[in-house]
N, C-alpha and C. Protein backbone atom coordinates (compact mmCIF):
# COMPACT_ATOMS: atom_id res chain seq x y z
N MET A 1 142.40 101.51 52.78
CA MET A 1 143.12 100.71 53.80
C MET A 1 142.10 99.66 53.98
N LYS A 2 142.46 98.58 54.29
CA LYS A 2 141.61 97.27 54.76
C LYS A 2 142.07 96.92 56.13
N PHE A 3 140.87 96.57 56.73
CA PHE A 3 141.15 96.05 58.27
C PHE A 3 140.60 94.47 58.21
N PRO A 4 141.56 93.63 58.08
CA PRO A 4 140.85 92.45 57.81
C PRO A 4 140.28 91.70 59.14
N HIS A 5 140.69 92.23 60.24
CA HIS A 5 140.34 91.85 61.74
C HIS A 5 139.22 92.63 62.22
N CYS A 6 138.56 93.56 61.53
CA CYS A 6 137.66 94.38 62.17
C CYS A 6 136.54 93.74 62.77
N SER A 7 135.99 92.73 62.40
CA SER A 7 134.86 91.89 63.11
C SER A 7 135.34 91.37 64.16
N THR A 8 136.53 90.75 64.23
CA THR A 8 137.01 90.22 65.51
C THR A 8 137.43 91.36 66.67
N ILE A 9 137.85 92.55 66.25
CA ILE A 9 137.95 93.53 67.10
C ILE A 9 136.72 94.16 67.84
N LEU A 10 135.62 94.31 66.77
CA LEU A 10 134.48 94.74 67.22
C LEU A 10 133.58 93.71 68.30
N LEU A 11 133.89 92.42 67.71
CA LEU A 11 133.37 91.54 68.76
C LEU A 11 133.92 91.47 70.16
N THR A 12 135.32 91.56 70.12
CA THR A 12 136.19 91.71 71.48
C THR A 12 135.64 92.97 72.30
N VAL A 13 135.47 94.18 71.62
CA VAL A 13 134.91 95.29 72.39
C VAL A 13 133.54 95.02 72.75
N LEU A 14 132.61 94.54 72.10
CA LEU A 14 131.20 94.37 72.33
C LEU A 14 131.30 93.37 73.84
N LEU A 15 132.20 92.37 73.74
CA LEU A 15 132.06 91.33 74.94
C LEU A 15 132.66 92.01 76.15
N ALA A 16 133.69 93.25 76.07
CA ALA A 16 134.16 93.81 77.05
C ALA A 16 133.27 94.85 77.71
N LEU A 17 132.04 95.06 76.93
CA LEU A 17 131.20 96.25 77.48
C LEU A 17 130.44 95.67 78.59
N PRO A 18 130.00 96.51 79.68
CA PRO A 18 129.15 95.80 80.63
C PRO A 18 127.70 95.43 80.18
N ALA A 19 127.06 94.39 80.85
CA ALA A 19 125.92 94.03 80.21
C ALA A 19 124.82 95.05 80.72
N THR A 20 123.69 95.21 80.00
CA THR A 20 122.97 96.43 79.97
C THR A 20 121.77 95.91 80.92
N THR A 21 121.67 94.50 81.28
CA THR A 21 120.47 94.34 82.12
C THR A 21 120.94 94.25 83.59
N SER A 22 119.92 94.78 84.50
CA SER A 22 120.56 94.93 85.77
C SER A 22 119.87 93.92 86.59
N ALA A 23 120.33 93.69 87.81
CA ALA A 23 119.96 92.63 88.87
C ALA A 23 118.48 92.95 89.09
N ALA A 24 117.82 91.88 89.49
CA ALA A 24 116.35 92.01 90.12
C ALA A 24 116.62 92.89 91.46
N THR A 25 115.48 93.65 91.70
CA THR A 25 115.60 94.17 93.29
C THR A 25 114.25 94.13 93.71
N ALA A 26 114.12 94.79 94.79
CA ALA A 26 112.77 94.66 95.63
C ALA A 26 111.55 95.23 94.89
N TRP A 27 111.98 96.16 93.87
CA TRP A 27 110.91 97.08 92.95
C TRP A 27 110.17 96.01 92.29
N ASP A 28 110.94 94.92 91.92
CA ASP A 28 110.33 93.99 90.93
C ASP A 28 109.16 93.26 91.58
N LEU A 29 109.03 93.45 92.96
CA LEU A 29 107.84 92.84 93.62
C LEU A 29 106.59 93.80 93.52
N ILE A 30 106.71 95.06 92.90
CA ILE A 30 105.82 96.01 92.94
C ILE A 30 105.57 96.17 91.32
N SER A 31 106.52 96.32 90.65
CA SER A 31 106.44 96.64 89.16
C SER A 31 107.31 95.70 88.47
N PRO A 32 107.06 94.52 88.20
CA PRO A 32 108.02 93.62 87.47
C PRO A 32 107.98 93.88 86.00
N LYS A 33 109.20 93.97 85.72
CA LYS A 33 109.39 94.32 84.00
C LYS A 33 109.74 93.04 83.50
N ASN A 34 110.94 92.38 83.66
CA ASN A 34 111.44 91.13 83.09
C ASN A 34 111.68 90.05 84.14
N PHE A 35 111.07 90.38 85.37
CA PHE A 35 111.50 89.44 86.29
C PHE A 35 110.92 87.95 86.10
N ASP A 36 111.89 86.91 86.14
CA ASP A 36 111.74 85.58 85.84
C ASP A 36 111.32 84.72 87.19
N TRP A 37 110.35 84.49 87.75
CA TRP A 37 110.07 83.91 89.06
C TRP A 37 110.93 82.61 89.11
N GLN A 38 111.14 82.07 88.03
CA GLN A 38 111.63 80.52 88.04
C GLN A 38 113.35 80.72 88.06
N SER A 39 113.67 82.02 88.07
CA SER A 39 115.39 82.23 88.18
C SER A 39 115.56 82.23 89.58
N ARG A 40 116.36 81.24 90.11
CA ARG A 40 116.81 81.33 91.41
C ARG A 40 117.73 82.54 91.54
N SER A 41 118.59 82.85 90.79
CA SER A 41 119.45 83.97 90.95
C SER A 41 118.66 85.28 90.81
N GLU A 42 117.56 85.48 90.31
CA GLU A 42 116.65 86.71 90.37
C GLU A 42 116.08 86.69 91.73
N ARG A 43 115.52 85.56 92.01
CA ARG A 43 114.82 85.54 93.47
C ARG A 43 115.79 85.90 94.56
N LEU A 44 117.16 85.51 94.30
CA LEU A 44 118.08 85.65 95.34
C LEU A 44 118.45 87.12 95.18
N ALA A 45 118.45 87.92 94.14
CA ALA A 45 118.70 89.18 94.04
C ALA A 45 117.79 90.28 94.55
N ILE A 46 116.51 89.67 94.64
CA ILE A 46 115.33 90.33 95.27
C ILE A 46 115.37 90.07 96.75
N ALA A 47 115.65 88.90 97.25
CA ALA A 47 115.69 88.81 98.65
C ALA A 47 116.92 89.45 99.31
N ARG A 48 118.04 89.41 98.53
CA ARG A 48 119.00 90.36 99.20
C ARG A 48 118.90 91.87 99.26
N ASP A 49 118.09 92.48 98.20
CA ASP A 49 117.89 93.75 98.02
C ASP A 49 116.97 94.16 99.29
N LEU A 50 115.87 93.21 99.38
CA LEU A 50 114.84 93.67 100.32
C LEU A 50 115.41 93.42 101.72
N ARG A 51 116.20 92.32 101.89
CA ARG A 51 116.85 92.53 103.34
C ARG A 51 117.77 93.50 103.51
N SER A 52 118.59 94.15 102.65
CA SER A 52 119.26 95.38 102.68
C SER A 52 118.47 96.48 103.19
N ARG A 53 117.29 96.73 102.41
CA ARG A 53 116.30 97.68 102.83
C ARG A 53 115.89 97.69 104.23
N VAL A 54 115.31 96.49 104.72
CA VAL A 54 114.91 96.29 105.94
C VAL A 54 116.02 96.51 107.15
N GLU A 55 117.13 96.08 106.80
CA GLU A 55 118.30 96.31 107.80
C GLU A 55 118.68 97.76 107.78
N ARG A 56 118.64 98.60 106.70
CA ARG A 56 118.85 99.79 106.66
C ARG A 56 117.83 100.57 107.63
N PHE A 57 116.62 100.21 107.50
CA PHE A 57 115.43 100.74 108.21
C PHE A 57 115.67 100.53 109.72
N ALA A 58 116.15 99.41 109.85
CA ALA A 58 116.14 98.87 111.37
C ALA A 58 117.20 99.58 112.02
N ALA A 59 118.32 99.92 111.44
CA ALA A 59 119.60 100.55 111.95
C ALA A 59 119.03 101.98 112.31
N LEU A 60 118.05 102.58 111.94
CA LEU A 60 117.51 103.92 112.15
C LEU A 60 116.76 104.14 113.54
N ILE A 61 116.41 102.81 114.07
CA ILE A 61 115.54 102.85 115.32
C ILE A 61 116.48 102.83 116.39
N GLU A 62 116.22 103.93 117.44
CA GLU A 62 117.14 103.90 118.54
C GLU A 62 117.04 102.74 119.59
N PRO A 63 118.20 102.19 119.88
CA PRO A 63 118.30 101.00 120.69
C PRO A 63 117.57 101.41 121.91
N GLN A 64 117.05 100.48 122.58
CA GLN A 64 116.29 100.47 123.97
C GLN A 64 117.39 100.26 124.76
N SER A 65 117.34 101.11 126.18
CA SER A 65 118.38 100.79 127.15
C SER A 65 117.83 99.47 128.00
N PRO A 66 118.94 98.82 128.41
CA PRO A 66 118.50 97.76 129.29
C PRO A 66 117.60 97.98 130.53
N ALA A 67 117.63 99.23 130.98
CA ALA A 67 116.60 99.48 132.06
C ALA A 67 115.26 99.91 131.56
N GLU A 68 115.11 100.08 130.30
CA GLU A 68 113.74 100.30 129.71
C GLU A 68 113.15 98.89 129.33
N LEU A 69 114.12 97.99 129.01
CA LEU A 69 113.47 96.54 128.64
C LEU A 69 113.22 95.94 129.92
N GLN A 70 113.92 96.03 130.96
CA GLN A 70 113.84 95.38 132.30
C GLN A 70 112.41 95.97 132.86
N THR A 71 112.07 97.25 132.83
CA THR A 71 110.99 97.79 133.31
C THR A 71 109.68 97.27 132.37
N LEU A 72 109.85 97.15 131.25
CA LEU A 72 108.73 96.46 130.37
C LEU A 72 108.53 95.14 130.80
N GLU A 73 109.64 94.42 130.97
CA GLU A 73 109.32 93.08 131.43
C GLU A 73 108.80 92.97 132.65
N ARG A 74 109.01 93.75 133.53
CA ARG A 74 108.48 93.84 135.13
C ARG A 74 106.96 94.06 134.82
N ASP A 75 106.67 95.07 134.09
CA ASP A 75 105.33 95.46 133.77
C ASP A 75 104.56 94.32 133.38
N GLU A 76 105.10 93.62 132.30
CA GLU A 76 104.36 92.63 131.69
C GLU A 76 104.20 91.32 132.71
N ALA A 77 105.23 91.21 133.39
CA ALA A 77 105.01 90.14 134.62
C ALA A 77 104.02 90.38 135.58
N GLN A 78 103.91 91.76 135.94
CA GLN A 78 102.90 92.18 136.79
C GLN A 78 101.54 92.13 136.28
N LEU A 79 101.49 92.25 135.13
CA LEU A 79 100.15 92.25 134.45
C LEU A 79 99.63 90.90 134.27
N ALA A 80 100.62 90.08 133.85
CA ALA A 80 100.11 88.53 133.72
C ALA A 80 99.92 87.99 135.05
N ALA A 81 100.38 88.41 136.28
CA ALA A 81 100.12 87.98 137.65
C ALA A 81 98.94 88.26 138.24
N LYS A 82 98.29 89.42 137.42
CA LYS A 82 96.79 89.95 138.03
C LYS A 82 95.93 88.96 137.90
N ALA A 83 95.12 88.66 138.71
CA ALA A 83 94.07 87.64 138.43
C ALA A 83 93.02 88.28 137.53
N LYS A 84 92.67 89.57 137.52
CA LYS A 84 91.66 90.15 136.63
C LYS A 84 92.36 91.51 136.05
N ALA A 85 93.31 91.32 135.40
CA ALA A 85 93.90 92.55 134.50
C ALA A 85 92.88 93.15 133.62
N SER A 86 92.66 94.58 133.55
CA SER A 86 91.62 95.02 132.78
C SER A 86 92.19 95.23 131.34
N ASP A 87 91.17 95.37 130.31
CA ASP A 87 91.64 95.54 128.97
C ASP A 87 92.39 96.80 128.89
N ARG A 88 92.02 97.87 129.78
CA ARG A 88 92.66 99.23 129.71
C ARG A 88 94.13 98.99 130.01
N ASP A 89 94.26 98.17 131.18
CA ASP A 89 95.79 97.94 131.43
C ASP A 89 96.66 97.21 130.44
N ARG A 90 96.11 96.19 129.85
CA ARG A 90 96.86 95.56 128.72
C ARG A 90 96.89 96.70 127.59
N ALA A 91 95.78 97.42 127.27
CA ALA A 91 96.13 98.20 126.09
C ALA A 91 97.22 99.25 126.16
N GLU A 92 97.11 99.84 127.49
CA GLU A 92 98.09 100.84 128.05
C GLU A 92 99.55 100.36 127.97
N LEU A 93 99.84 99.02 128.29
CA LEU A 93 101.10 98.66 128.05
C LEU A 93 101.41 98.31 126.79
N GLN A 94 100.60 97.81 125.80
CA GLN A 94 100.82 97.42 124.33
C GLN A 94 100.80 98.65 123.80
N LEU A 95 100.51 99.86 124.13
CA LEU A 95 100.43 101.16 123.38
C LEU A 95 101.74 101.97 123.84
N SER A 96 102.37 101.37 124.71
CA SER A 96 103.66 102.40 125.36
C SER A 96 104.50 102.39 124.20
N VAL A 97 105.38 103.34 124.38
CA VAL A 97 106.72 103.36 123.56
C VAL A 97 107.68 102.15 123.46
N ALA A 98 107.71 101.77 124.69
CA ALA A 98 108.83 100.82 125.14
C ALA A 98 108.35 99.43 124.23
N TYR A 99 106.97 99.15 124.55
CA TYR A 99 106.41 97.78 123.89
C TYR A 99 106.38 97.84 122.42
N GLN A 100 106.23 98.93 121.82
CA GLN A 100 106.12 99.20 120.30
C GLN A 100 107.43 99.26 119.85
N ASN A 101 108.38 99.83 120.59
CA ASN A 101 109.76 99.95 120.11
C ASN A 101 110.23 98.37 119.88
N ARG A 102 110.22 97.58 121.16
CA ARG A 102 110.62 96.25 121.10
C ARG A 102 109.96 95.29 120.11
N LYS A 103 108.62 95.58 119.95
CA LYS A 103 107.73 94.90 119.08
C LYS A 103 108.16 95.20 117.46
N LEU A 104 108.63 96.36 117.24
CA LEU A 104 108.88 96.82 115.76
C LEU A 104 110.47 96.13 115.58
N VAL A 105 111.27 96.38 116.38
CA VAL A 105 112.64 95.47 116.36
C VAL A 105 112.39 94.07 116.01
N ALA A 106 111.57 93.52 116.88
CA ALA A 106 111.36 91.99 116.60
C ALA A 106 110.84 91.58 115.36
N ALA A 107 109.93 92.34 114.73
CA ALA A 107 109.17 92.29 113.52
C ALA A 107 110.40 92.29 112.40
N LEU A 108 111.06 93.38 112.49
CA LEU A 108 112.05 93.62 111.60
C LEU A 108 113.03 92.54 111.68
N THR A 109 113.55 91.90 112.74
CA THR A 109 114.48 90.89 112.87
C THR A 109 113.96 89.63 112.34
N SER A 110 112.65 89.63 112.46
CA SER A 110 112.05 88.38 111.95
C SER A 110 111.80 88.28 110.53
N ILE A 111 111.74 89.45 109.87
CA ILE A 111 111.59 89.69 108.29
C ILE A 111 112.91 89.27 107.80
N VAL A 112 114.19 89.83 108.35
CA VAL A 112 115.54 89.57 107.99
C VAL A 112 115.79 88.05 108.15
N ASN A 113 115.21 87.59 109.22
CA ASN A 113 115.64 85.99 109.42
C ASN A 113 114.87 85.07 108.39
N ALA A 114 113.65 85.49 108.05
CA ALA A 114 112.88 84.87 106.74
C ALA A 114 113.52 85.01 105.40
N LEU A 115 114.20 86.14 105.36
CA LEU A 115 114.79 86.38 104.19
C LEU A 115 116.29 85.64 104.10
N ASP A 116 116.98 85.53 105.26
CA ASP A 116 118.15 84.69 105.34
C ASP A 116 117.72 83.35 104.89
N CYS A 117 116.50 82.89 105.25
CA CYS A 117 116.12 81.52 105.02
C CYS A 117 115.98 81.36 103.57
N VAL A 118 115.33 82.27 102.96
CA VAL A 118 115.25 82.28 101.47
C VAL A 118 116.71 82.20 100.93
N ILE A 119 117.64 82.88 101.19
CA ILE A 119 119.12 83.04 100.76
C ILE A 119 119.78 81.84 100.93
N ASP A 120 119.79 81.25 102.19
CA ASP A 120 120.47 80.22 102.60
C ASP A 120 120.31 78.61 102.23
N THR A 121 118.91 78.44 101.72
CA THR A 121 118.48 77.15 101.49
C THR A 121 118.77 76.80 100.07
N ASN A 122 118.92 75.62 99.60
CA ASN A 122 119.24 75.04 98.21
C ASN A 122 118.01 74.18 97.82
N ARG A 123 116.87 74.15 98.71
CA ARG A 123 115.69 73.50 98.14
C ARG A 123 114.61 74.44 97.88
N VAL A 124 114.15 74.38 96.84
CA VAL A 124 112.97 75.29 96.31
C VAL A 124 111.64 75.25 97.31
N ALA A 125 111.38 73.94 97.61
CA ALA A 125 110.20 73.86 98.54
C ALA A 125 110.34 74.70 99.82
N THR A 126 111.66 74.58 100.41
CA THR A 126 111.87 75.30 101.71
C THR A 126 112.04 76.79 101.31
N GLU A 127 112.65 77.24 100.16
CA GLU A 127 112.81 78.52 99.83
C GLU A 127 111.50 79.12 99.72
N MET A 128 110.26 78.43 99.06
CA MET A 128 109.35 79.10 98.89
C MET A 128 108.30 79.13 100.32
N SER A 129 108.59 78.24 101.22
CA SER A 129 108.06 78.17 102.64
C SER A 129 108.83 79.51 103.43
N CYS A 130 109.94 79.96 103.00
CA CYS A 130 110.49 81.08 103.59
C CYS A 130 110.01 82.44 103.06
N TRP A 131 109.56 82.39 101.71
CA TRP A 131 109.18 83.44 100.94
C TRP A 131 107.55 83.75 101.61
N ALA A 132 107.07 82.37 101.91
CA ALA A 132 105.48 82.89 102.54
C ALA A 132 105.72 83.45 103.89
N MET A 133 106.59 82.95 104.66
CA MET A 133 106.78 83.63 106.02
C MET A 133 107.19 85.02 105.82
N THR A 134 108.03 85.42 104.87
CA THR A 134 108.51 86.89 104.67
C THR A 134 107.22 87.68 104.13
N SER A 135 106.37 87.16 103.28
CA SER A 135 105.04 87.90 102.95
C SER A 135 104.22 87.96 104.06
N LEU A 136 104.10 87.01 104.93
CA LEU A 136 103.23 87.10 106.15
C LEU A 136 103.71 88.12 106.89
N LEU A 137 104.99 88.28 107.25
CA LEU A 137 105.41 89.41 108.21
C LEU A 137 105.29 90.75 107.56
N LEU A 138 105.60 90.80 106.25
CA LEU A 138 105.66 92.10 105.67
C LEU A 138 104.08 92.81 105.57
N THR A 139 103.18 91.86 105.45
CA THR A 139 101.81 92.40 105.41
C THR A 139 101.09 92.58 106.75
N ASP A 140 101.82 92.57 107.89
CA ASP A 140 101.05 92.93 109.17
C ASP A 140 101.12 94.41 109.13
N GLU A 141 100.29 95.04 108.31
CA GLU A 141 100.33 96.42 108.12
C GLU A 141 99.94 97.22 109.35
N GLU A 142 98.88 96.71 110.20
CA GLU A 142 98.28 97.59 111.27
C GLU A 142 99.43 97.81 112.43
N SER A 143 100.00 96.50 112.61
CA SER A 143 101.08 96.49 113.66
C SER A 143 102.19 97.49 113.22
N LEU A 144 102.53 97.44 112.01
CA LEU A 144 103.78 98.45 111.55
C LEU A 144 103.18 99.71 111.67
N ARG A 145 102.07 100.04 111.27
CA ARG A 145 101.56 101.61 111.32
C ARG A 145 101.60 102.06 112.82
N LEU A 146 100.89 101.30 113.62
CA LEU A 146 100.89 101.65 115.10
C LEU A 146 102.41 101.79 115.75
N ALA A 147 103.46 100.96 115.43
CA ALA A 147 104.76 101.09 115.75
C ALA A 147 105.45 102.23 115.44
N LEU A 148 105.09 102.43 114.10
CA LEU A 148 105.90 103.69 113.60
C LEU A 148 105.12 104.83 113.95
N ALA A 149 103.92 105.00 114.14
CA ALA A 149 103.33 106.22 114.75
C ALA A 149 103.77 106.65 116.16
N THR A 150 103.99 105.39 116.98
CA THR A 150 104.46 105.75 118.23
C THR A 150 105.69 106.07 118.47
N LEU A 151 106.66 105.38 117.65
CA LEU A 151 108.04 105.68 117.58
C LEU A 151 108.43 107.10 117.06
N ARG A 152 107.66 107.44 116.15
CA ARG A 152 107.85 108.77 115.50
C ARG A 152 107.44 109.98 116.54
N LYS A 153 106.24 109.61 117.31
CA LYS A 153 105.72 110.59 118.18
C LYS A 153 106.59 110.93 119.47
N TYR A 154 107.39 109.88 119.55
CA TYR A 154 108.36 109.97 120.87
C TYR A 154 109.78 110.12 120.41
N HIS A 155 109.99 110.57 119.11
CA HIS A 155 111.20 110.89 118.33
C HIS A 155 112.16 109.87 118.41
N ARG A 156 111.79 108.54 118.32
CA ARG A 156 112.69 107.50 118.28
C ARG A 156 112.91 107.04 116.81
N LEU A 157 112.34 107.57 115.98
CA LEU A 157 112.48 107.30 114.56
C LEU A 157 112.29 108.57 113.79
N PRO A 158 113.16 108.89 112.75
CA PRO A 158 112.97 110.13 112.08
C PRO A 158 111.62 110.27 111.46
N ARG A 159 111.26 111.42 111.16
CA ARG A 159 109.97 111.51 110.50
C ARG A 159 110.27 110.94 108.96
N ASN A 160 109.11 110.57 108.55
CA ASN A 160 109.12 109.73 107.14
C ASN A 160 109.98 110.75 106.10
N LYS A 161 109.64 112.05 105.87
CA LYS A 161 110.38 112.73 105.09
C LYS A 161 111.76 112.87 105.18
N ASP A 162 112.22 112.46 106.45
CA ASP A 162 113.60 112.74 106.77
C ASP A 162 114.41 111.27 106.48
N LEU A 163 113.62 110.29 106.06
CA LEU A 163 114.26 108.93 105.99
C LEU A 163 115.18 108.92 104.63
N PRO A 164 116.09 107.91 104.50
CA PRO A 164 116.57 107.87 103.13
C PRO A 164 115.60 107.32 102.11
N ALA A 165 115.76 107.68 101.08
CA ALA A 165 114.69 107.35 99.93
C ALA A 165 114.43 105.90 99.90
N LEU A 166 115.38 104.90 99.97
CA LEU A 166 115.15 103.63 99.89
C LEU A 166 114.34 103.01 101.09
N VAL A 167 114.16 103.82 102.23
CA VAL A 167 113.47 103.03 103.29
C VAL A 167 112.38 103.95 103.72
N ARG A 168 111.97 105.02 102.93
CA ARG A 168 110.81 105.78 103.24
C ARG A 168 109.59 105.00 103.25
N SER A 169 108.61 105.47 103.94
CA SER A 169 107.27 105.02 103.90
C SER A 169 107.12 103.31 104.02
N PRO A 170 107.80 102.74 105.13
CA PRO A 170 107.62 101.47 105.19
C PRO A 170 106.25 100.81 105.33
N GLU A 171 105.27 101.62 106.10
CA GLU A 171 104.04 101.18 106.18
C GLU A 171 103.20 101.13 104.68
N VAL A 172 103.76 101.72 103.87
CA VAL A 172 103.12 101.72 102.45
C VAL A 172 103.82 100.49 101.67
N TRP A 173 105.11 100.52 101.83
CA TRP A 173 106.02 99.53 100.94
C TRP A 173 105.94 98.35 101.35
N TYR A 174 106.08 97.97 102.51
CA TYR A 174 106.31 96.62 103.32
C TYR A 174 105.10 95.77 102.82
N SER A 175 103.69 96.22 103.05
CA SER A 175 102.66 95.37 102.46
C SER A 175 102.68 95.14 101.10
N THR A 176 103.06 96.08 100.31
CA THR A 176 103.16 96.09 98.84
C THR A 176 104.18 95.03 98.48
N TYR A 177 105.14 94.94 99.05
CA TYR A 177 106.16 93.91 99.01
C TYR A 177 105.81 92.49 99.24
N GLY A 178 105.08 92.39 100.41
CA GLY A 178 104.54 91.12 100.87
C GLY A 178 103.50 90.67 99.74
N ARG A 179 102.54 91.56 99.23
CA ARG A 179 101.60 91.19 98.23
C ARG A 179 102.32 90.65 97.01
N GLY A 180 103.43 91.52 96.58
CA GLY A 180 104.16 90.99 95.27
C GLY A 180 104.79 89.66 95.49
N ILE A 181 105.26 89.36 96.64
CA ILE A 181 105.95 87.95 96.92
C ILE A 181 104.84 86.82 96.72
N LEU A 182 103.63 87.24 97.06
CA LEU A 182 102.57 86.20 97.08
C LEU A 182 102.05 86.17 95.62
N GLU A 183 101.87 87.45 94.78
CA GLU A 183 101.51 87.38 93.54
C GLU A 183 102.42 86.97 92.43
N PHE A 184 103.82 87.28 92.63
CA PHE A 184 104.76 87.11 91.62
C PHE A 184 105.89 86.00 91.80
N ILE A 185 105.62 85.29 92.91
CA ILE A 185 106.68 84.43 93.24
C ILE A 185 105.68 83.15 93.65
N LEU A 186 104.92 83.14 95.01
CA LEU A 186 104.41 82.15 95.22
C LEU A 186 103.21 81.47 94.64
N VAL A 187 102.35 82.33 94.14
CA VAL A 187 101.14 81.92 93.39
C VAL A 187 101.70 81.25 91.84
N PRO A 188 102.63 81.80 91.44
CA PRO A 188 103.23 80.94 90.04
C PRO A 188 103.93 79.77 90.55
N TYR A 189 104.68 79.78 91.43
CA TYR A 189 105.15 78.47 92.01
C TYR A 189 104.07 77.32 92.36
N LEU A 190 103.24 77.86 93.07
CA LEU A 190 102.21 76.74 93.41
C LEU A 190 101.21 76.65 92.34
N ARG A 191 101.04 77.30 91.31
CA ARG A 191 100.26 76.86 89.95
C ARG A 191 101.23 75.76 89.30
N LYS A 192 102.46 76.11 89.06
CA LYS A 192 103.27 75.07 88.56
C LYS A 192 103.47 73.73 89.16
N THR A 193 103.55 73.79 90.63
CA THR A 193 103.61 72.65 91.18
C THR A 193 102.31 71.82 91.11
N ALA A 194 101.12 72.50 91.34
CA ALA A 194 99.78 71.80 91.18
C ALA A 194 99.71 71.12 89.71
N ALA A 195 100.28 71.75 88.63
CA ALA A 195 100.16 71.23 87.25
C ALA A 195 101.09 69.93 87.12
N GLN A 196 101.98 69.83 87.80
CA GLN A 196 102.86 68.59 87.49
C GLN A 196 102.38 67.31 88.08
């Protein structure tokens, strides 16, 4: 029995199968396999995935009450009004759970905003500037470690082992993502731009 249209049928079936390549993810900033930094669609996929991870982590932080924020603002104003505020007073305020909670939320919001800038712009130069800001924010490792330790101590954030896998150990991965942005996106872009 002959099947004259066998090759046509086979081609149709193969075209209907899903593509085996997967979209780039934030992991490509750590261990790039086939990531092409020149591909806008791949850079966007990384930005969207990284944004999703940061937002998922931010959602785990307990919201501060208006009363706590007002007290913090009052304490900051009183400290600023002191003619000779001591280093101890400043340190005590900055190490407080209220201050660290607000600081972490602001940092995560800034990272999301920088990634939105990457996603929303149509100009490569602007995009690269936004990537640079994202990298800078992600690599503020000491501030992140202090905020996380403080919030965990006061049970405002789940312990690391209780976090979902995609957002676990931000104090390790965020700085690594930031370095990956520098190494695999910004430096190649700058080299190419300098060579033109």
